[in-house]
Amino acid sequence: MILFNEIRRISLVLLIVITSLCVQAQTHFKREKDRYGLFNQDSALTEFLFTEVSNFQEGLCWVNKGELYGYITEVGDSITAFCYADVSDFYNGYAAVSRDTIHSKYGFIDHNGSEICQLQYSRVRFFEYGLAAVQKDSLWGMIDTLGREVIPCHYDHPPLAIRSTFIIASKGGKWGVVNSFNQLVYPFKFDLITRDGIGYIANSKFYLGLL
């Protein structure tokens, strides 16, 4: 499962440094004892409520209150309840969240704080070209921004979207290419297909024209 604890610790250290150097920033966190509050210059937007905070990404950030996480806006409004055990920053419009890290149940929320899919995946990757790789029952597939599993979880490794047209995937120890409808573009016969669209079979190299 994706664990963001180390990322959170690094983000918190960076946030403290940035805040200390940029006290004149319009919106920033201030610390009082073991709690953080959100301020606009010297005006408090929230009370000192949060035990952990993050940098704003795409106008939103995760914060911790008690043992659970939620998300707030740059004016301190909550877009989610404090109901998540694990969270990530927003990236390309979405953030990965989990209410149950023990059983590895992850999914995504959008900028409105709405869960776009069931929190059912053991591992997830961030969205690229409108698709995110997700793992269920040890196999990988992809969901779109509506939460639909457009690429079934049938593949050995996280599929890689090349633009929105081609998806590099592996099955049975071999690599191939499908499209966003899971239709076969190149058969699963390659020993490797690189991000720049080069397929390898033994010592032979094939340019697949994916870019």
Protein backbone atom coordinates (compact mmCIF):
# COMPACT_ATOMS: atom_id res chain seq x y z
CA MET A 1 0.00 0.00 0.00
CA ILE A 2 1.11 3.57 -0.50
CA LEU A 3 2.30 5.07 2.80
CA PHE A 4 2.72 8.82 2.83
CA ASN A 5 4.13 9.12 6.38
CA GLU A 6 7.70 9.80 5.27
CA ILE A 7 6.51 12.31 2.67
CA ARG A 8 4.43 14.01 5.35
CA ARG A 9 7.44 14.27 7.69
CA ILE A 10 9.59 15.81 4.95
CA SER A 11 6.77 18.18 3.97
CA LEU A 12 6.37 19.27 7.59
CA VAL A 13 10.06 20.10 7.95
CA LEU A 14 10.00 22.06 4.69
CA LEU A 15 6.84 23.85 5.78
CA ILE A 16 8.42 24.98 9.05
CA VAL A 17 11.46 26.31 7.19
CA ILE A 18 9.38 28.06 4.53
CA THR A 19 7.06 29.56 7.14
CA SER A 20 9.97 30.92 9.18
CA LEU A 21 11.55 32.49 6.09
CA CYS A 22 8.32 33.81 4.55
CA VAL A 23 6.36 35.26 7.44
CA GLN A 24 5.01 37.93 5.15
CA ALA A 25 3.29 35.39 2.90
CA GLN A 26 -0.42 36.04 2.58
CA THR A 27 -1.59 32.61 3.71
CA HIS A 28 0.58 30.55 6.00
CA PHE A 29 0.53 28.41 9.12
CA LYS A 30 1.70 29.59 12.51
CA ARG A 31 2.65 27.31 15.35
CA GLU A 32 1.67 27.74 18.97
CA LYS A 33 3.03 25.06 21.28
CA ASP A 34 2.09 21.78 19.54
CA ARG A 35 -0.70 23.14 17.32
CA TYR A 36 -0.90 24.97 14.01
CA GLY A 37 -3.34 27.61 12.85
CA LEU A 38 -3.88 29.14 9.41
CA PHE A 39 -3.29 32.87 9.00
CA ASN A 40 -3.63 35.48 6.28
CA GLN A 41 -0.78 37.82 7.15
CA ASP A 42 -1.63 38.50 10.81
CA SER A 43 -5.34 37.62 10.63
CA ALA A 44 -6.31 34.19 11.94
CA LEU A 45 -8.34 32.08 9.53
CA THR A 46 -8.54 29.12 11.91
CA GLU A 47 -7.78 28.50 15.54
CA PHE A 48 -4.67 26.55 16.52
CA LEU A 49 -6.30 23.20 15.83
CA PHE A 50 -3.94 21.09 13.79
CA THR A 51 -1.20 18.71 14.92
CA GLU A 52 0.18 18.25 11.38
CA VAL A 53 -0.11 20.45 8.31
CA SER A 54 1.15 20.45 4.73
CA ASN A 55 1.95 22.91 1.97
CA PHE A 56 -0.92 23.99 -0.24
CA GLN A 57 -1.09 22.19 -3.57
CA GLU A 58 -3.68 23.24 -6.13
CA GLY A 59 -5.24 25.51 -3.49
CA LEU A 60 -5.76 22.71 -0.94
CA CYS A 61 -3.78 21.05 1.81
CA TRP A 62 -4.19 18.16 4.21
CA VAL A 63 -4.22 18.79 7.95
CA ASN A 64 -4.38 16.53 10.97
CA LYS A 65 -6.65 17.01 13.95
CA GLY A 66 -6.37 14.26 16.54
CA GLU A 67 -5.42 11.05 14.77
CA LEU A 68 -7.25 11.63 11.48
CA TYR A 69 -6.72 13.81 8.42
CA GLY A 70 -8.87 16.12 6.36
CA TYR A 71 -8.41 18.84 3.74
CA ILE A 72 -8.87 22.60 3.92
CA THR A 73 -8.81 25.49 1.48
CA GLU A 74 -6.56 28.54 1.57
CA VAL A 75 -9.22 30.39 3.58
CA GLY A 76 -9.47 27.61 6.14
CA ASP A 77 -12.71 25.99 4.98
CA SER A 78 -12.90 22.21 5.25
CA ILE A 79 -13.74 20.27 2.10
CA THR A 80 -13.75 16.90 3.89
CA ALA A 81 -14.43 15.60 7.36
CA PHE A 82 -11.46 14.52 9.47
CA CYS A 83 -11.99 10.89 8.57
CA TYR A 84 -8.85 9.67 6.80
CA ALA A 85 -6.03 7.58 8.25
CA ASP A 86 -3.67 8.31 5.33
CA VAL A 87 -3.60 11.10 2.76
CA SER A 88 -1.50 12.59 -0.02
CA ASP A 89 -1.07 16.01 -1.58
CA PHE A 90 -3.23 16.91 -4.55
CA TYR A 91 -1.69 16.17 -7.92
CA ASN A 92 -3.35 16.73 -11.29
CA GLY A 93 -6.66 17.41 -9.58
CA TYR A 94 -6.85 14.44 -7.19
CA ALA A 95 -5.48 13.21 -3.87
CA ALA A 96 -5.11 9.63 -2.65
CA VAL A 97 -6.84 8.84 0.66
CA SER A 98 -7.56 5.89 2.92
CA ARG A 99 -9.82 5.34 5.89
CA ASP A 100 -8.35 1.88 6.51
CA THR A 101 -4.58 1.53 6.19
CA ILE A 102 -4.54 -1.78 8.06
CA HIS A 103 -6.45 -3.48 5.25
CA SER A 104 -4.99 -1.20 2.56
CA LYS A 105 -8.12 0.45 1.20
CA TYR A 106 -7.23 3.47 -0.93
CA GLY A 107 -9.02 5.66 -3.42
CA PHE A 108 -9.16 9.30 -4.55
CA ILE A 109 -10.95 12.55 -3.79
CA ASP A 110 -11.40 15.54 -6.09
CA HIS A 111 -11.14 19.28 -5.39
CA ASN A 112 -14.64 19.27 -3.92
CA GLY A 113 -13.66 16.61 -1.37
CA SER A 114 -15.85 14.02 -3.09
CA GLU A 115 -14.62 10.43 -3.28
CA ILE A 116 -14.59 9.55 -6.97
CA CYS A 117 -14.37 5.79 -6.36
CA GLN A 118 -14.74 3.24 -3.61
CA LEU A 119 -11.76 3.11 -1.27
CA GLN A 120 -10.95 -0.44 -2.25
CA TYR A 121 -7.44 -0.50 -3.74
CA SER A 122 -4.36 -1.81 -1.96
CA ARG A 123 -2.04 0.55 -3.86
CA VAL A 124 -2.59 3.55 -6.12
CA ARG A 125 -0.54 5.81 -8.36
CA PHE A 126 -1.30 9.43 -9.17
CA PHE A 127 -3.32 10.49 -12.20
CA GLU A 128 -1.57 11.09 -15.51
CA TYR A 129 -3.49 11.88 -18.68
CA GLY A 130 -6.76 11.32 -16.82
CA LEU A 131 -5.86 7.79 -15.69
CA ALA A 132 -4.50 6.38 -12.43
CA ALA A 133 -3.01 2.93 -11.87
CA VAL A 134 -4.67 0.98 -9.04
CA GLN A 135 -3.97 -2.42 -7.50
CA LYS A 136 -6.57 -4.92 -6.33
CA ASP A 137 -5.94 -8.56 -5.37
CA SER A 138 -2.25 -8.15 -6.28
CA LEU A 139 -3.04 -7.17 -9.89
CA TRP A 140 -3.08 -3.74 -11.51
CA GLY A 141 -5.52 -1.82 -13.66
CA MET A 142 -6.50 1.82 -14.20
CA ILE A 143 -9.39 4.09 -13.29
CA ASP A 144 -10.47 7.31 -14.98
CA THR A 145 -11.40 10.58 -13.30
CA LEU A 146 -14.99 9.37 -12.86
CA GLY A 147 -13.73 6.39 -10.85
CA ARG A 148 -14.55 3.87 -13.58
CA GLU A 149 -12.19 0.92 -13.83
CA VAL A 150 -11.49 1.36 -17.54
CA ILE A 151 -8.51 -1.01 -17.47
CA PRO A 152 -9.41 -4.11 -15.43
CA CYS A 153 -7.06 -5.22 -12.66
CA HIS A 154 -5.54 -8.02 -14.72
CA TYR A 155 -1.94 -6.86 -15.07
CA ASP A 156 1.28 -7.72 -13.24
CA HIS A 157 2.69 -4.20 -12.88
CA PRO A 158 1.24 -0.67 -12.77
CA PRO A 159 0.15 0.23 -16.31
CA LEU A 160 1.80 3.34 -17.71
CA ALA A 161 -0.27 5.82 -19.71
CA ILE A 162 1.55 7.35 -22.67
CA ARG A 163 -0.56 10.39 -23.43
CA SER A 164 -4.22 9.35 -23.23
CA THR A 165 -3.92 7.01 -26.21
CA PHE A 166 -1.56 4.19 -25.32
CA ILE A 167 -1.08 2.22 -22.11
CA ILE A 168 1.98 0.04 -21.55
CA ALA A 169 1.11 -3.02 -19.44
CA SER A 170 2.54 -6.41 -18.52
CA LYS A 171 0.89 -9.81 -18.26
CA GLY A 172 2.39 -13.27 -17.83
CA GLY A 173 5.89 -11.85 -17.70
CA LYS A 174 5.58 -10.10 -21.07
CA TRP A 175 4.82 -6.52 -22.05
CA GLY A 176 2.30 -5.16 -24.51
CA VAL A 177 0.22 -2.06 -25.28
CA VAL A 178 -3.51 -1.47 -24.94
CA ASN A 179 -5.63 1.63 -25.46
CA SER A 180 -7.88 3.36 -22.95
CA PHE A 181 -10.68 0.91 -23.84
CA ASN A 182 -8.38 -2.03 -22.95
CA GLN A 183 -8.21 -3.00 -26.62
CA LEU A 184 -4.97 -4.62 -27.72
CA VAL A 185 -2.62 -2.37 -29.70
CA TYR A 186 0.56 -4.47 -29.48
CA PRO A 187 0.52 -8.11 -28.27
CA PHE A 188 2.08 -9.17 -24.98
CA LYS A 189 5.26 -10.55 -26.51
CA PHE A 190 7.91 -8.01 -25.54
CA ASP A 191 10.50 -8.56 -22.84
CA LEU A 192 10.30 -4.84 -22.06
CA ILE A 193 8.65 -1.70 -23.40
CA THR A 194 10.20 1.58 -22.33
CA ARG A 195 8.44 4.86 -21.58
CA ASP A 196 9.62 6.28 -24.91
CA GLY A 197 7.90 3.48 -26.83
CA ILE A 198 10.76 1.11 -27.59
CA GLY A 199 9.99 -2.59 -27.37
CA TYR A 200 12.64 -5.25 -26.81
CA ILE A 201 12.56 -8.95 -27.71
CA ALA A 202 15.86 -10.62 -26.83
CA ASN A 203 18.47 -8.45 -28.57
CA SER A 204 16.03 -6.91 -31.06
CA LYS A 205 14.68 -3.39 -30.71
CA PHE A 206 11.32 -2.18 -32.08
CA TYR A 207 10.09 1.39 -32.31
CA LEU A 208 6.37 1.25 -31.56
CA GLY A 209 5.43 4.84 -32.36
CA LEU A 210 3.70 5.57 -29.06
CA LEU A 211 4.89 9.16 -28.70
